[in-house]
Amino acid sequence: HVQLVESGGGLVQAGGPLRLHCPPSVRNFSSYTIGWFRQARGKQRKFVAAITWSGANTYDPDSAKSRFTISRDNAKNTVDLEMNDLKPEDTAVYYCEAGLLVIWRALLRPNSYNYWGQGTQVTVSS
């Protein structure tokens, strides 16, 4: 049984940081590509960042690049998303997704992954 339980969300003032955690309870965690997505109220789920089994990462250039950092620790079976200089438009529910054999050009699509969690709410006040 695979579980993804995101944590680390909360309420933060604009300009502040948050660090989200995703410890997928999967066998062979190091083989999984992990993606972070977010969904604002009334909008579609959008790609934020992803990190492959080999540690290669990619970010949404509009929302995440230069402010967010995705990292993984295979020894601890966890992936973190460090978010800095948060803006009110970053307010959303953030989801962690895990997938095997996700090809590079499919990383941005939420339905490319096999498992996802319930999400953690991030609210940025102005």
N, C-alpha and C. Protein backbone atom coordinates (compact mmCIF):
# COMPACT_ATOMS: atom_id res chain seq x y z
N HIS A 1 0.85 -1.19 0.00
CA HIS A 1 0.00 0.00 0.00
C HIS A 1 0.89 1.23 0.00
N VAL A 2 0.72 2.10 -0.99
CA VAL A 2 1.55 3.29 -1.12
C VAL A 2 0.83 4.47 -0.48
N GLN A 3 1.57 5.20 0.32
CA GLN A 3 1.03 6.41 0.92
C GLN A 3 1.96 7.57 0.68
N LEU A 4 1.40 8.68 0.33
CA LEU A 4 2.13 9.93 0.24
C LEU A 4 1.43 10.92 1.15
N VAL A 5 2.13 11.37 2.16
CA VAL A 5 1.54 12.31 3.11
C VAL A 5 2.40 13.56 3.14
N GLU A 6 1.91 14.59 2.49
CA GLU A 6 2.65 15.84 2.46
C GLU A 6 2.53 16.56 3.80
N SER A 7 3.53 17.32 4.12
CA SER A 7 3.49 18.14 5.33
C SER A 7 4.33 19.39 5.12
N GLY A 8 4.20 20.31 6.06
CA GLY A 8 5.01 21.52 6.01
C GLY A 8 4.26 22.76 5.55
N GLY A 9 3.03 22.58 5.11
CA GLY A 9 2.26 23.74 4.68
C GLY A 9 1.83 24.59 5.86
N GLY A 10 1.26 25.73 5.54
CA GLY A 10 0.78 26.62 6.60
C GLY A 10 0.54 28.01 6.08
N LEU A 11 0.41 28.93 7.02
CA LEU A 11 0.18 30.34 6.71
C LEU A 11 1.48 31.09 6.88
N VAL A 12 1.85 31.86 5.88
CA VAL A 12 3.11 32.60 5.93
C VAL A 12 2.88 33.97 5.30
N GLN A 13 3.63 34.94 5.76
CA GLN A 13 3.54 36.28 5.16
C GLN A 13 4.33 36.32 3.86
N ALA A 14 3.92 37.19 2.99
CA ALA A 14 4.63 37.37 1.72
C ALA A 14 6.10 37.65 2.00
N GLY A 15 6.96 36.99 1.21
CA GLY A 15 8.39 37.13 1.39
C GLY A 15 9.00 36.07 2.28
N GLY A 16 8.16 35.35 2.97
CA GLY A 16 8.66 34.33 3.89
C GLY A 16 8.90 33.00 3.22
N PRO A 17 9.49 32.05 3.97
CA PRO A 17 9.79 30.73 3.44
C PRO A 17 8.88 29.64 4.03
N LEU A 18 8.82 28.54 3.32
CA LEU A 18 8.23 27.32 3.83
C LEU A 18 8.99 26.15 3.23
N ARG A 19 8.97 25.03 3.95
CA ARG A 19 9.62 23.83 3.44
C ARG A 19 8.61 22.70 3.50
N LEU A 20 8.28 22.18 2.35
CA LEU A 20 7.32 21.08 2.27
C LEU A 20 8.07 19.75 2.24
N HIS A 21 7.42 18.74 2.84
CA HIS A 21 8.04 17.41 2.91
C HIS A 21 7.13 16.37 2.28
N CYS A 22 7.76 15.40 1.64
CA CYS A 22 7.01 14.30 1.03
C CYS A 22 7.80 13.02 1.28
N PRO A 23 7.36 12.21 2.24
CA PRO A 23 8.02 10.93 2.49
C PRO A 23 7.19 9.77 1.94
N PRO A 24 7.29 9.47 0.66
CA PRO A 24 6.48 8.39 0.11
C PRO A 24 6.82 7.05 0.73
N SER A 25 5.81 6.33 1.15
CA SER A 25 6.05 5.00 1.70
C SER A 25 5.97 3.99 0.57
N VAL A 26 6.98 3.98 -0.27
CA VAL A 26 7.05 3.06 -1.40
C VAL A 26 8.31 2.24 -1.30
N ARG A 27 8.23 1.03 -1.82
CA ARG A 27 9.44 0.23 -1.91
C ARG A 27 10.28 0.79 -3.05
N ASN A 28 11.57 0.65 -2.90
CA ASN A 28 12.48 1.16 -3.93
C ASN A 28 12.25 2.65 -4.20
N PHE A 29 12.16 3.41 -3.14
CA PHE A 29 11.91 4.85 -3.25
C PHE A 29 12.90 5.50 -4.21
N SER A 30 14.15 5.06 -4.18
CA SER A 30 15.18 5.71 -4.99
C SER A 30 14.91 5.56 -6.48
N SER A 31 14.01 4.67 -6.86
CA SER A 31 13.69 4.47 -8.27
C SER A 31 12.60 5.40 -8.77
N TYR A 32 11.97 6.12 -7.88
CA TYR A 32 10.82 6.95 -8.23
C TYR A 32 11.20 8.37 -8.60
N THR A 33 10.51 8.89 -9.57
CA THR A 33 10.53 10.32 -9.83
C THR A 33 9.45 10.96 -8.96
N ILE A 34 9.77 12.07 -8.33
CA ILE A 34 8.84 12.76 -7.45
C ILE A 34 8.54 14.14 -8.01
N GLY A 35 7.29 14.46 -8.10
CA GLY A 35 6.88 15.76 -8.58
C GLY A 35 6.05 16.51 -7.55
N TRP A 36 6.19 17.81 -7.54
CA TRP A 36 5.33 18.67 -6.74
C TRP A 36 4.43 19.45 -7.69
N PHE A 37 3.16 19.44 -7.36
CA PHE A 37 2.16 20.18 -8.11
C PHE A 37 1.37 21.04 -7.14
N ARG A 38 0.67 22.02 -7.67
CA ARG A 38 -0.18 22.83 -6.80
C ARG A 38 -1.48 23.14 -7.52
N GLN A 39 -2.49 23.34 -6.71
CA GLN A 39 -3.81 23.63 -7.25
C GLN A 39 -4.45 24.73 -6.43
N ALA A 40 -4.61 25.88 -7.06
CA ALA A 40 -5.31 26.98 -6.41
C ALA A 40 -6.81 26.75 -6.54
N ARG A 41 -7.56 27.37 -5.69
CA ARG A 41 -9.01 27.17 -5.67
C ARG A 41 -9.60 27.55 -7.02
N GLY A 42 -10.36 26.65 -7.58
CA GLY A 42 -11.03 26.91 -8.85
C GLY A 42 -10.15 26.79 -10.08
N LYS A 43 -8.92 26.32 -9.89
CA LYS A 43 -8.00 26.22 -11.03
C LYS A 43 -7.49 24.80 -11.17
N GLN A 44 -6.86 24.54 -12.29
CA GLN A 44 -6.31 23.22 -12.54
C GLN A 44 -5.01 23.01 -11.79
N ARG A 45 -4.70 21.75 -11.56
CA ARG A 45 -3.44 21.41 -10.93
C ARG A 45 -2.29 21.74 -11.88
N LYS A 46 -1.27 22.38 -11.32
CA LYS A 46 -0.15 22.82 -12.16
C LYS A 46 1.17 22.31 -11.62
N PHE A 47 2.09 22.09 -12.52
CA PHE A 47 3.42 21.62 -12.18
C PHE A 47 4.22 22.70 -11.46
N VAL A 48 4.97 22.26 -10.45
CA VAL A 48 5.86 23.17 -9.72
C VAL A 48 7.31 22.75 -9.92
N ALA A 49 7.62 21.51 -9.59
CA ALA A 49 8.99 21.03 -9.67
C ALA A 49 8.99 19.50 -9.64
N ALA A 50 10.07 18.91 -10.14
CA ALA A 50 10.20 17.46 -10.11
C ALA A 50 11.66 17.09 -10.00
N ILE A 51 11.89 15.92 -9.43
CA ILE A 51 13.24 15.40 -9.31
C ILE A 51 13.21 13.92 -9.66
N THR A 52 14.10 13.51 -10.54
CA THR A 52 14.12 12.12 -11.00
C THR A 52 14.87 11.23 -10.02
N TRP A 53 14.85 9.95 -10.33
CA TRP A 53 15.55 8.99 -9.48
C TRP A 53 17.05 9.30 -9.43
N SER A 54 17.58 9.89 -10.49
CA SER A 54 19.01 10.18 -10.56
C SER A 54 19.37 11.54 -9.97
N GLY A 55 18.35 12.29 -9.54
CA GLY A 55 18.63 13.60 -8.95
C GLY A 55 18.50 14.77 -9.91
N ALA A 56 18.20 14.50 -11.17
CA ALA A 56 17.98 15.60 -12.10
C ALA A 56 16.68 16.29 -11.74
N ASN A 57 16.68 17.62 -11.82
CA ASN A 57 15.47 18.34 -11.42
C ASN A 57 15.07 19.36 -12.48
N THR A 58 13.82 19.72 -12.40
CA THR A 58 13.29 20.72 -13.30
C THR A 58 12.21 21.51 -12.56
N TYR A 59 12.02 22.74 -12.98
CA TYR A 59 11.08 23.63 -12.30
C TYR A 59 10.20 24.34 -13.32
N ASP A 60 9.02 24.71 -12.86
CA ASP A 60 8.20 25.59 -13.67
C ASP A 60 8.89 26.95 -13.71
N PRO A 61 9.20 27.45 -14.89
CA PRO A 61 9.98 28.68 -14.98
C PRO A 61 9.22 29.91 -14.48
N ASP A 62 7.92 29.88 -14.56
CA ASP A 62 7.15 31.06 -14.19
C ASP A 62 6.95 31.16 -12.68
N SER A 63 6.77 30.01 -12.03
CA SER A 63 6.39 30.08 -10.61
C SER A 63 7.50 29.67 -9.66
N ALA A 64 8.37 28.76 -10.09
CA ALA A 64 9.25 28.14 -9.11
C ALA A 64 10.73 28.43 -9.30
N LYS A 65 11.14 28.58 -10.53
CA LYS A 65 12.58 28.71 -10.76
C LYS A 65 13.11 29.96 -10.05
N SER A 66 14.23 29.79 -9.38
CA SER A 66 14.96 30.83 -8.64
C SER A 66 14.40 31.06 -7.24
N ARG A 67 13.19 30.57 -6.96
CA ARG A 67 12.66 30.74 -5.61
C ARG A 67 12.49 29.41 -4.88
N PHE A 68 12.27 28.34 -5.64
CA PHE A 68 12.02 27.04 -5.04
C PHE A 68 13.19 26.10 -5.32
N THR A 69 13.42 25.17 -4.40
CA THR A 69 14.44 24.15 -4.58
C THR A 69 13.88 22.80 -4.18
N ILE A 70 13.97 21.85 -5.08
CA ILE A 70 13.53 20.49 -4.78
C ILE A 70 14.76 19.63 -4.52
N SER A 71 14.67 18.77 -3.52
CA SER A 71 15.80 17.91 -3.17
C SER A 71 15.27 16.58 -2.66
N ARG A 72 16.12 15.57 -2.70
CA ARG A 72 15.72 14.27 -2.21
C ARG A 72 16.83 13.66 -1.38
N ASP A 73 16.42 12.85 -0.42
CA ASP A 73 17.35 12.10 0.41
C ASP A 73 16.90 10.65 0.35
N ASN A 74 17.57 9.87 -0.47
CA ASN A 74 17.14 8.48 -0.67
C ASN A 74 17.35 7.63 0.58
N ALA A 75 18.29 8.02 1.41
CA ALA A 75 18.52 7.27 2.65
C ALA A 75 17.35 7.45 3.62
N LYS A 76 16.71 8.60 3.56
CA LYS A 76 15.59 8.89 4.45
C LYS A 76 14.23 8.75 3.75
N ASN A 77 14.26 8.41 2.48
CA ASN A 77 13.00 8.27 1.72
C ASN A 77 12.15 9.52 1.78
N THR A 78 12.76 10.65 1.46
CA THR A 78 11.99 11.88 1.51
C THR A 78 12.41 12.83 0.41
N VAL A 79 11.47 13.63 -0.01
CA VAL A 79 11.71 14.71 -0.97
C VAL A 79 11.18 15.99 -0.36
N ASP A 80 11.97 17.03 -0.40
CA ASP A 80 11.57 18.32 0.14
C ASP A 80 11.44 19.35 -0.97
N LEU A 81 10.57 20.30 -0.73
CA LEU A 81 10.44 21.45 -1.60
C LEU A 81 10.63 22.69 -0.74
N GLU A 82 11.76 23.32 -0.90
CA GLU A 82 12.05 24.55 -0.15
C GLU A 82 11.55 25.72 -0.97
N MET A 83 10.72 26.54 -0.36
CA MET A 83 10.12 27.67 -1.07
C MET A 83 10.51 28.96 -0.36
N ASN A 84 11.08 29.87 -1.10
CA ASN A 84 11.50 31.16 -0.55
C ASN A 84 10.79 32.31 -1.25
N ASP A 85 10.79 33.45 -0.59
CA ASP A 85 10.18 34.66 -1.16
C ASP A 85 8.76 34.36 -1.66
N LEU A 86 7.99 33.78 -0.81
CA LEU A 86 6.64 33.39 -1.21
C LEU A 86 5.76 34.60 -1.50
N LYS A 87 4.87 34.41 -2.46
CA LYS A 87 3.98 35.48 -2.90
C LYS A 87 2.54 35.04 -2.70
N PRO A 88 1.62 35.98 -2.59
CA PRO A 88 0.21 35.58 -2.43
C PRO A 88 -0.26 34.64 -3.54
N GLU A 89 0.26 34.80 -4.74
CA GLU A 89 -0.16 33.92 -5.84
C GLU A 89 0.36 32.50 -5.71
N ASP A 90 1.23 32.25 -4.73
CA ASP A 90 1.67 30.89 -4.44
C ASP A 90 0.66 30.14 -3.58
N THR A 91 -0.35 30.82 -3.12
CA THR A 91 -1.37 30.18 -2.29
C THR A 91 -2.08 29.07 -3.08
N ALA A 92 -2.05 27.87 -2.52
CA ALA A 92 -2.64 26.71 -3.20
C ALA A 92 -2.50 25.50 -2.29
N VAL A 93 -3.12 24.42 -2.71
CA VAL A 93 -2.84 23.13 -2.10
C VAL A 93 -1.71 22.50 -2.90
N TYR A 94 -0.69 22.06 -2.20
CA TYR A 94 0.49 21.49 -2.84
C TYR A 94 0.44 19.97 -2.70
N TYR A 95 0.65 19.28 -3.83
CA TYR A 95 0.57 17.84 -3.88
C TYR A 95 1.92 17.24 -4.27
N CYS A 96 2.24 16.15 -3.62
CA CYS A 96 3.41 15.36 -3.97
C CYS A 96 2.95 14.17 -4.78
N GLU A 97 3.64 13.87 -5.87
CA GLU A 97 3.28 12.73 -6.70
C GLU A 97 4.52 11.89 -6.96
N ALA A 98 4.33 10.59 -7.02
CA ALA A 98 5.44 9.67 -7.23
C ALA A 98 5.15 8.79 -8.44
N GLY A 99 6.17 8.60 -9.25
CA GLY A 99 5.96 7.77 -10.43
C GLY A 99 7.22 7.03 -10.84
N LEU A 100 7.02 5.87 -11.41
CA LEU A 100 8.11 5.09 -12.00
C LEU A 100 8.12 5.31 -13.50
N LEU A 101 9.28 5.30 -14.06
CA LEU A 101 9.43 5.37 -15.52
C LEU A 101 8.72 6.58 -16.12
N VAL A 102 8.81 7.71 -15.44
CA VAL A 102 8.24 8.96 -15.98
C VAL A 102 9.28 9.58 -16.89
N ILE A 103 8.96 9.68 -18.16
CA ILE A 103 9.93 10.23 -19.09
C ILE A 103 10.03 11.74 -18.89
N TRP A 104 11.14 12.29 -19.32
CA TRP A 104 11.46 13.68 -19.01
C TRP A 104 10.36 14.64 -19.48
N ARG A 105 9.89 14.46 -20.71
CA ARG A 105 8.93 15.43 -21.24
C ARG A 105 7.55 15.26 -20.60
N ALA A 106 7.35 14.20 -19.84
CA ALA A 106 6.06 13.98 -19.18
C ALA A 106 6.07 14.43 -17.72
N LEU A 107 7.19 14.92 -17.24
CA LEU A 107 7.29 15.31 -15.83
C LEU A 107 6.28 16.37 -15.45
N LEU A 108 5.91 17.21 -16.39
CA LEU A 108 5.05 18.35 -16.08
C LEU A 108 3.58 17.97 -15.99
N ARG A 109 3.24 16.76 -16.36
CA ARG A 109 1.82 16.36 -16.40
C ARG A 109 1.47 15.57 -15.14
N PRO A 110 0.48 16.01 -14.39
CA PRO A 110 0.13 15.30 -13.14
C PRO A 110 -0.31 13.87 -13.36
N ASN A 111 -0.89 13.56 -14.52
CA ASN A 111 -1.35 12.19 -14.74
C ASN A 111 -0.23 11.27 -15.23
N SER A 112 1.01 11.75 -15.22
CA SER A 112 2.15 10.91 -15.57
C SER A 112 2.63 10.07 -14.40
N TYR A 113 2.14 10.39 -13.20
CA TYR A 113 2.62 9.75 -11.99
C TYR A 113 1.64 8.68 -11.52
N ASN A 114 2.15 7.77 -10.71
CA ASN A 114 1.33 6.65 -10.25
C ASN A 114 0.58 6.92 -8.95
N TYR A 115 1.19 7.73 -8.08
CA TYR A 115 0.61 7.94 -6.75
C TYR A 115 0.66 9.42 -6.39
N TRP A 116 -0.27 9.83 -5.57
CA TRP A 116 -0.26 11.20 -5.07
C TRP A 116 -0.93 11.25 -3.71
N GLY A 117 -0.61 12.33 -2.99
CA GLY A 117 -1.14 12.47 -1.64
C GLY A 117 -2.37 13.35 -1.57
N GLN A 118 -2.76 13.68 -0.34
CA GLN A 118 -3.96 14.50 -0.10
C GLN A 118 -3.66 15.98 -0.19
N GLY A 119 -2.39 16.32 -0.21
CA GLY A 119 -2.03 17.72 -0.34
C GLY A 119 -1.84 18.43 0.99
N THR A 120 -1.10 19.53 0.94
CA THR A 120 -0.92 20.38 2.11
C THR A 120 -1.17 21.82 1.69
N GLN A 121 -1.93 22.52 2.50
CA GLN A 121 -2.33 23.89 2.15
C GLN A 121 -1.22 24.87 2.45
N VAL A 122 -0.94 25.70 1.47
CA VAL A 122 -0.01 26.82 1.64
C VAL A 122 -0.80 28.10 1.40
N THR A 123 -0.77 28.98 2.39
CA THR A 123 -1.47 30.25 2.27
C THR A 123 -0.48 31.37 2.53
N VAL A 124 -0.36 32.27 1.57
CA VAL A 124 0.57 33.39 1.69
C VAL A 124 -0.24 34.67 1.80
N SER A 125 -0.06 35.37 2.91
CA SER A 125 -0.80 36.60 3.13
C SER A 125 0.03 37.80 2.66
N SER A 126 -0.67 38.80 2.17
CA SER A 126 0.03 39.98 1.66
C SER A 126 0.28 41.00 2.76
